[in-house]
Amino acid sequence: MQEGSKPIIVEQVFNAPIRKVWQVITNIADMRYWFFDNIPDFKPELGFKTKFNVSSGERNFLHQWQITEVEPLKKIVYDWSYAQYPGRGVVVFELFENISKTQLRVTSYGMESFPQDIPEFTRASCIGGWNYFIKQNLKEYLDKKQ
């Protein structure tokens, strides 16, 4: 990560127990509904790797993820890079239990290490993307599963 980089933090409280939220953020069948529908596989295991392409229309982004830390029901950390572009990010998903509700905090580090002349890598685009995935898609998906 670059010195002085400012992480992107998105938080959401879900009206669901921590076990349900953990399942939805780590189970491939659930992830395909709220995150990326073309993730080929996912396992919340240290060292697990996966690759999949996301097209923005003009550009392709071959996502390369590797799990670097797992604390079941608490935290999962991904190394996040793209085959076609220099740079490396880290994304941390943290869960906090509050009676029957669960707070999820997603912290993304290192986006400024990717080429800033590509619109999808700007800070504003990344904030918008995480808000879309967490506050909209994941929230709607968990609300339906209740």
Protein backbone atom coordinates (compact mmCIF):
# COMPACT_ATOMS: atom_id res chain seq x y z
CA MET A 1 0.00 0.00 0.00
CA GLN A 2 1.18 3.49 -0.67
CA GLU A 3 2.29 5.63 2.22
CA GLY A 4 -0.52 7.86 3.44
CA SER A 5 -3.21 6.04 1.46
CA LYS A 6 -6.73 6.51 2.73
CA PRO A 7 -8.86 3.37 2.87
CA ILE A 8 -12.41 3.19 1.59
CA ILE A 9 -14.76 2.05 4.36
CA VAL A 10 -18.37 0.98 3.82
CA GLU A 11 -20.50 -0.18 6.74
CA GLN A 12 -23.99 -1.65 6.89
CA VAL A 13 -26.12 -3.14 9.66
CA PHE A 14 -28.21 -6.14 8.64
CA ASN A 15 -31.28 -7.45 10.40
CA ALA A 16 -29.76 -10.94 10.40
CA PRO A 17 -27.68 -13.04 12.76
CA ILE A 18 -23.92 -13.13 12.27
CA ARG A 19 -23.96 -16.76 11.03
CA LYS A 20 -26.34 -15.85 8.21
CA VAL A 21 -24.26 -12.84 7.13
CA TRP A 22 -21.05 -14.89 7.27
CA GLN A 23 -22.64 -17.57 5.09
CA VAL A 24 -23.82 -15.05 2.52
CA ILE A 25 -20.40 -13.37 2.21
CA THR A 26 -18.44 -16.64 2.03
CA ASN A 27 -20.69 -19.18 0.28
CA ILE A 28 -20.22 -19.21 -3.51
CA ALA A 29 -23.91 -19.83 -4.28
CA ASP A 30 -24.92 -16.79 -2.21
CA MET A 31 -22.05 -14.61 -3.46
CA ARG A 32 -23.19 -15.09 -7.05
CA TYR A 33 -26.49 -13.36 -6.22
CA TRP A 34 -25.17 -10.20 -4.55
CA PHE A 35 -21.51 -9.88 -5.57
CA PHE A 36 -20.29 -11.22 -8.93
CA ASP A 37 -22.42 -13.80 -10.70
CA ASN A 38 -19.46 -15.33 -12.54
CA ILE A 39 -17.16 -16.16 -9.62
CA PRO A 40 -16.10 -19.72 -10.54
CA ASP A 41 -15.40 -20.86 -6.99
CA PHE A 42 -14.82 -19.50 -3.51
CA LYS A 43 -13.71 -21.03 -0.25
CA PRO A 44 -13.14 -19.07 2.96
CA GLU A 45 -9.79 -20.78 3.45
CA LEU A 46 -6.32 -19.31 3.90
CA GLY A 47 -4.48 -19.33 0.58
CA PHE A 48 -7.56 -19.97 -1.58
CA LYS A 49 -7.25 -18.30 -5.01
CA THR A 50 -9.77 -17.54 -7.73
CA LYS A 51 -9.86 -15.59 -11.01
CA PHE A 52 -12.75 -14.26 -13.05
CA ASN A 53 -13.34 -11.56 -15.62
CA VAL A 54 -15.58 -8.51 -15.26
CA SER A 55 -16.26 -6.39 -18.32
CA SER A 56 -17.17 -2.72 -18.07
CA GLY A 57 -18.01 -2.61 -21.77
CA GLU A 58 -14.83 -0.82 -22.82
CA ARG A 59 -12.41 -2.74 -20.62
CA ASN A 60 -11.97 -6.17 -19.09
CA PHE A 61 -10.81 -6.65 -15.53
CA LEU A 62 -9.49 -10.13 -14.76
CA HIS A 63 -9.99 -10.18 -10.99
CA GLN A 64 -7.39 -12.19 -9.06
CA TRP A 65 -8.24 -12.85 -5.43
CA GLN A 66 -6.30 -14.67 -2.75
CA ILE A 67 -7.53 -15.18 0.80
CA THR A 68 -4.84 -14.02 3.23
CA GLU A 69 -6.69 -14.16 6.54
CA VAL A 70 -9.79 -15.92 7.87
CA GLU A 71 -11.41 -15.74 11.29
CA PRO A 72 -14.76 -17.55 10.90
CA LEU A 73 -17.76 -15.39 11.80
CA LYS A 74 -15.44 -12.39 12.30
CA LYS A 75 -13.17 -11.52 9.40
CA ILE A 76 -12.00 -12.49 5.92
CA VAL A 77 -9.24 -10.68 4.01
CA TYR A 78 -8.55 -10.81 0.26
CA ASP A 79 -5.55 -9.73 -1.74
CA TRP A 80 -7.11 -8.16 -4.83
CA SER A 81 -5.35 -7.53 -8.14
CA TYR A 82 -6.04 -7.50 -11.87
CA ALA A 83 -4.08 -9.44 -14.50
CA GLN A 84 -4.01 -6.57 -17.01
CA TYR A 85 -3.14 -3.71 -14.65
CA PRO A 86 -0.39 -2.95 -12.14
CA GLY A 87 -1.40 -2.43 -8.52
CA ARG A 88 -2.56 -4.39 -5.53
CA GLY A 89 -5.45 -3.91 -3.17
CA VAL A 90 -6.55 -5.53 0.05
CA VAL A 91 -10.18 -5.89 1.07
CA VAL A 92 -11.19 -6.69 4.66
CA PHE A 93 -14.69 -7.90 5.54
CA GLU A 94 -15.32 -7.65 9.32
CA LEU A 95 -18.46 -8.76 11.16
CA PHE A 96 -19.69 -7.43 14.50
CA GLU A 97 -22.61 -9.00 16.33
CA ASN A 98 -25.24 -6.87 18.03
CA ILE A 99 -27.95 -9.13 19.51
CA SER A 100 -29.92 -10.32 16.43
CA LYS A 101 -28.31 -7.84 14.04
CA THR A 102 -24.91 -7.85 12.37
CA GLN A 103 -22.72 -4.95 11.34
CA LEU A 104 -20.48 -5.52 8.34
CA ARG A 105 -17.50 -3.25 7.73
CA VAL A 106 -15.72 -3.51 4.39
CA THR A 107 -12.37 -1.74 4.22
CA SER A 108 -10.57 -1.45 0.89
CA TYR A 109 -6.91 -0.46 0.82
CA GLY A 110 -4.61 0.28 -2.09
CA MET A 111 -6.95 1.45 -4.83
CA GLU A 112 -4.60 4.35 -5.55
CA SER A 113 -1.94 1.78 -6.55
CA PHE A 114 -3.96 0.99 -9.70
CA PRO A 115 -3.74 3.24 -12.79
CA GLN A 116 -5.67 6.39 -11.93
CA ASP A 117 -6.27 7.26 -15.59
CA ILE A 118 -8.76 4.36 -15.74
CA PRO A 119 -12.18 5.57 -14.49
CA GLU A 120 -13.05 2.28 -12.76
CA PHE A 121 -10.04 2.71 -10.45
CA THR A 122 -10.86 6.19 -9.18
CA ARG A 123 -11.73 6.61 -5.52
CA ALA A 124 -15.26 7.79 -6.40
CA SER A 125 -15.86 4.73 -8.58
CA CYS A 126 -14.63 2.38 -5.86
CA ILE A 127 -16.80 4.02 -3.20
CA GLY A 128 -19.78 3.77 -5.52
CA GLY A 129 -19.03 0.13 -6.25
CA TRP A 130 -18.72 -0.91 -2.61
CA ASN A 131 -21.88 1.00 -1.68
CA TYR A 132 -23.70 -0.75 -4.52
CA PHE A 133 -22.52 -4.22 -3.49
CA ILE A 134 -22.93 -3.85 0.28
CA LYS A 135 -25.66 -1.29 0.95
CA GLN A 136 -27.84 -2.26 -2.00
CA ASN A 137 -27.24 -5.78 -3.36
CA LEU A 138 -26.20 -7.53 -0.14
CA LYS A 139 -28.85 -5.75 1.92
CA GLU A 140 -31.61 -6.66 -0.56
CA TYR A 141 -30.39 -10.23 -0.79
CA LEU A 142 -30.30 -10.70 3.00
CA ASP A 143 -33.72 -9.05 3.39
CA LYS A 144 -35.18 -11.59 0.92
CA LYS A 145 -33.57 -14.52 2.76
CA GLN A 146 -35.25 -13.63 6.06
